[in-house]
Amino acid sequence: MHIGSKGWYVEKLKEKGVRRYEERKLESYKKHILANLLEKYE
């Protein structure tokens, strides 16, 4: 998996215990939203 890919962001968020955001699975979001979420949870 490439660093900075959508899958990478999903994996990192799941490591932090985040599985859903606003009652939607992480996989349904676009990459730029996942990047912002990762910054928020760090």
N, C-alpha and C. Protein backbone atom coordinates (compact mmCIF):
# COMPACT_ATOMS: atom_id res chain seq x y z
N MET A 1 0.85 -1.18 0.00
CA MET A 1 0.00 0.00 0.00
C MET A 1 0.90 1.24 0.00
N HIS A 2 0.54 2.20 -0.81
CA HIS A 2 1.34 3.41 -0.94
C HIS A 2 0.99 4.40 0.17
N ILE A 3 2.00 5.03 0.71
CA ILE A 3 1.79 6.06 1.72
C ILE A 3 1.03 7.21 1.06
N GLY A 4 -0.04 7.64 1.71
CA GLY A 4 -0.85 8.73 1.19
C GLY A 4 -2.00 8.28 0.32
N SER A 5 -2.14 6.97 0.10
CA SER A 5 -3.27 6.48 -0.68
C SER A 5 -4.51 6.42 0.22
N LYS A 6 -5.67 6.28 -0.41
CA LYS A 6 -6.91 6.21 0.36
C LYS A 6 -6.87 5.05 1.35
N GLY A 7 -6.40 3.90 0.91
CA GLY A 7 -6.32 2.73 1.78
C GLY A 7 -5.39 2.95 2.95
N TRP A 8 -4.31 3.68 2.72
CA TRP A 8 -3.36 4.00 3.79
C TRP A 8 -4.03 4.85 4.86
N TYR A 9 -4.80 5.87 4.43
CA TYR A 9 -5.51 6.72 5.39
C TYR A 9 -6.52 5.91 6.19
N VAL A 10 -7.27 5.02 5.51
CA VAL A 10 -8.26 4.19 6.20
C VAL A 10 -7.56 3.31 7.23
N GLU A 11 -6.45 2.71 6.86
CA GLU A 11 -5.70 1.84 7.78
C GLU A 11 -5.22 2.61 9.01
N LYS A 12 -4.66 3.79 8.80
CA LYS A 12 -4.15 4.59 9.92
C LYS A 12 -5.28 5.03 10.86
N LEU A 13 -6.42 5.41 10.30
CA LEU A 13 -7.55 5.80 11.14
C LEU A 13 -8.08 4.63 11.93
N LYS A 14 -8.12 3.44 11.32
CA LYS A 14 -8.59 2.26 12.04
C LYS A 14 -7.63 1.87 13.15
N GLU A 15 -6.32 2.10 12.96
CA GLU A 15 -5.36 1.84 14.02
C GLU A 15 -5.64 2.72 15.24
N LYS A 16 -6.19 3.91 15.00
CA LYS A 16 -6.53 4.84 16.09
C LYS A 16 -7.91 4.57 16.66
N GLY A 17 -8.60 3.55 16.13
CA GLY A 17 -9.90 3.18 16.66
C GLY A 17 -11.07 3.85 15.98
N VAL A 18 -10.81 4.58 14.89
CA VAL A 18 -11.89 5.26 14.16
C VAL A 18 -12.36 4.33 13.06
N ARG A 19 -13.62 3.90 13.14
CA ARG A 19 -14.18 3.01 12.11
C ARG A 19 -15.24 3.71 11.28
N ARG A 20 -15.93 4.64 11.93
CA ARG A 20 -17.00 5.38 11.25
C ARG A 20 -16.87 6.86 11.59
N TYR A 21 -17.40 7.68 10.69
CA TYR A 21 -17.45 9.12 10.93
C TYR A 21 -18.80 9.60 10.43
N GLU A 22 -19.55 10.27 11.28
CA GLU A 22 -20.91 10.72 10.99
C GLU A 22 -21.78 9.57 10.47
N GLU A 23 -21.67 8.43 11.14
CA GLU A 23 -22.46 7.22 10.86
C GLU A 23 -22.21 6.62 9.49
N ARG A 24 -21.09 6.96 8.86
CA ARG A 24 -20.71 6.37 7.57
C ARG A 24 -19.35 5.70 7.72
N LYS A 25 -19.17 4.58 7.01
CA LYS A 25 -17.89 3.89 7.04
C LYS A 25 -16.82 4.77 6.39
N LEU A 26 -15.59 4.63 6.87
CA LEU A 26 -14.49 5.43 6.34
C LEU A 26 -14.29 5.21 4.85
N GLU A 27 -14.52 3.97 4.39
CA GLU A 27 -14.28 3.63 2.99
C GLU A 27 -15.16 4.42 2.02
N SER A 28 -16.24 5.02 2.52
CA SER A 28 -17.16 5.75 1.63
C SER A 28 -16.72 7.20 1.40
N TYR A 29 -15.67 7.65 2.11
CA TYR A 29 -15.21 9.02 1.97
C TYR A 29 -14.08 9.13 0.96
N LYS A 30 -13.94 10.30 0.37
CA LYS A 30 -12.84 10.57 -0.55
C LYS A 30 -11.56 10.81 0.26
N LYS A 31 -10.43 10.71 -0.44
CA LYS A 31 -9.12 10.76 0.22
C LYS A 31 -8.87 12.06 0.96
N HIS A 32 -9.25 13.20 0.39
CA HIS A 32 -8.94 14.47 1.06
C HIS A 32 -9.69 14.61 2.38
N ILE A 33 -10.87 14.01 2.49
CA ILE A 33 -11.61 14.04 3.75
C ILE A 33 -10.93 13.16 4.78
N LEU A 34 -10.45 11.99 4.33
CA LEU A 34 -9.74 11.09 5.24
C LEU A 34 -8.46 11.72 5.75
N ALA A 35 -7.76 12.47 4.89
CA ALA A 35 -6.54 13.15 5.31
C ALA A 35 -6.85 14.17 6.40
N ASN A 36 -7.94 14.91 6.25
CA ASN A 36 -8.33 15.88 7.28
C ASN A 36 -8.72 15.19 8.58
N LEU A 37 -9.41 14.05 8.49
CA LEU A 37 -9.78 13.31 9.68
C LEU A 37 -8.55 12.82 10.43
N LEU A 38 -7.55 12.34 9.69
CA LEU A 38 -6.33 11.83 10.33
C LEU A 38 -5.64 12.96 11.09
N GLU A 39 -5.60 14.15 10.51
CA GLU A 39 -5.00 15.29 11.22
C GLU A 39 -5.79 15.60 12.48
N LYS A 40 -7.11 15.50 12.41
CA LYS A 40 -7.97 15.81 13.55
C LYS A 40 -7.74 14.83 14.70
N TYR A 41 -7.54 13.55 14.39
CA TYR A 41 -7.42 12.53 15.43
C TYR A 41 -5.98 12.30 15.91
N GLU A 42 -5.03 13.02 15.37
CA GLU A 42 -3.65 12.85 15.84
C GLU A 42 -3.35 13.73 17.02
